[in-house]
Amino acid sequence: MAQESKFDTAALISERGLFLTIYDIMDLLKVSRPVADRLLKTGRIPAAKVNGRQYRVRADDFVKWWDHEVKQEQKNILRGCLPK
C-alpha cells in the first residue's frame, strides 16, 4: 500500500497559490528563516530566483521534493535497522 503524501498538490495550490515563498516554506516545514534560506540557496529544494534575490518554489515541485525526502529518510531508517 503506497503511503500518501503529507502534502496534496491541489490543496496546497488552492491554499497558497501556484508559487510558494520562503515564508510558505518556513511555515510548511516548521523551520527557521536560516534553514529555509539554506535549503533554497543550495538548491536542495528546487526554486527559481525572481528579482535577483527572492525565491519562488512551484507547489508541485515542493510536493515532489517532499515525497522524495520522506522516501529517502525511510530508506535510511530501514538501512539502520537491518542486520549487517
Protein backbone atom coordinates (compact mmCIF):
# COMPACT_ATOMS: atom_id res chain seq x y z
CA MET A 1 0.00 0.00 0.00
CA ALA A 2 1.51 3.33 -1.06
CA GLN A 3 1.91 5.96 1.61
CA GLU A 4 0.04 9.19 0.96
CA SER A 5 1.99 12.42 0.87
CA LYS A 6 1.70 14.81 3.77
CA PHE A 7 1.09 17.49 1.16
CA ASP A 8 -1.55 17.40 -1.57
CA THR A 9 -0.63 19.50 -4.62
CA ALA A 10 -4.18 20.65 -5.40
CA ALA A 11 -4.88 21.62 -1.79
CA LEU A 12 -1.54 23.39 -1.47
CA ILE A 13 -2.16 25.40 -4.65
CA SER A 14 -5.68 26.22 -3.52
CA GLU A 15 -4.45 27.40 -0.12
CA ARG A 16 -1.19 29.14 -1.02
CA GLY A 17 -1.15 29.64 -4.79
CA LEU A 18 0.93 28.16 -7.59
CA PHE A 19 4.21 29.51 -6.21
CA LEU A 20 5.44 29.29 -2.63
CA THR A 21 7.52 31.97 -0.94
CA ILE A 22 10.22 31.46 1.66
CA TYR A 23 7.60 32.22 4.31
CA ASP A 24 5.40 29.43 2.95
CA ILE A 25 8.38 27.05 3.07
CA MET A 26 9.15 28.11 6.65
CA ASP A 27 5.55 27.54 7.69
CA LEU A 28 5.06 24.23 5.87
CA LEU A 29 8.30 22.71 7.14
CA LYS A 30 8.20 24.43 10.55
CA VAL A 31 11.78 25.65 10.16
CA SER A 32 13.56 28.94 10.81
CA ARG A 33 14.46 31.50 8.16
CA PRO A 34 18.14 30.47 8.05
CA VAL A 35 17.20 26.82 7.49
CA ALA A 36 14.73 27.71 4.71
CA ASP A 37 17.32 30.04 3.14
CA ARG A 38 19.91 27.27 3.13
CA LEU A 39 17.50 24.76 1.55
CA LEU A 40 16.73 27.22 -1.24
CA LYS A 41 20.20 28.69 -1.79
CA THR A 42 21.88 25.30 -2.00
CA GLY A 43 19.26 24.06 -4.46
CA ARG A 44 18.09 21.27 -2.18
CA ILE A 45 14.53 22.48 -2.78
CA PRO A 46 14.06 23.33 -6.48
CA ALA A 47 13.40 27.06 -6.74
CA ALA A 48 13.65 29.99 -9.11
CA LYS A 49 15.09 33.36 -8.22
CA VAL A 50 12.95 36.38 -9.03
CA ASN A 51 14.10 39.99 -8.92
CA GLY A 52 17.60 38.67 -8.35
CA ARG A 53 17.07 37.81 -4.70
CA GLN A 54 13.66 36.36 -3.89
CA TYR A 55 12.95 32.67 -4.28
CA ARG A 56 9.77 31.04 -5.54
CA VAL A 57 9.02 27.32 -5.45
CA ARG A 58 6.35 25.75 -7.63
CA ALA A 59 3.88 23.99 -5.36
CA ASP A 60 4.03 20.76 -7.37
CA ASP A 61 7.86 20.78 -7.25
CA PHE A 62 7.70 21.20 -3.48
CA VAL A 63 5.36 18.20 -3.13
CA LYS A 64 7.63 16.07 -5.33
CA TRP A 65 10.66 17.15 -3.29
CA TRP A 66 8.87 16.35 -0.02
CA ASP A 67 7.81 12.90 -1.22
CA HIS A 68 11.37 12.13 -2.31
CA GLU A 69 12.80 13.33 1.04
CA VAL A 70 10.35 11.20 3.02
CA LYS A 71 11.12 8.09 0.95
CA GLN A 72 14.85 8.69 1.30
CA GLU A 73 14.55 9.11 5.08
CA GLN A 74 12.50 5.92 5.35
CA LYS A 75 15.20 4.06 3.42
CA ASN A 76 17.89 5.46 5.74
CA ILE A 77 15.92 4.40 8.83
CA LEU A 78 15.36 0.90 7.45
CA ARG A 79 19.00 0.63 6.44
CA GLY A 80 19.98 1.37 10.05
CA CYS A 81 17.63 -1.34 11.36
CA LEU A 82 18.82 -4.13 9.09
CA PRO A 83 21.48 -6.51 10.39
CA LYS A 84 24.89 -6.11 8.78
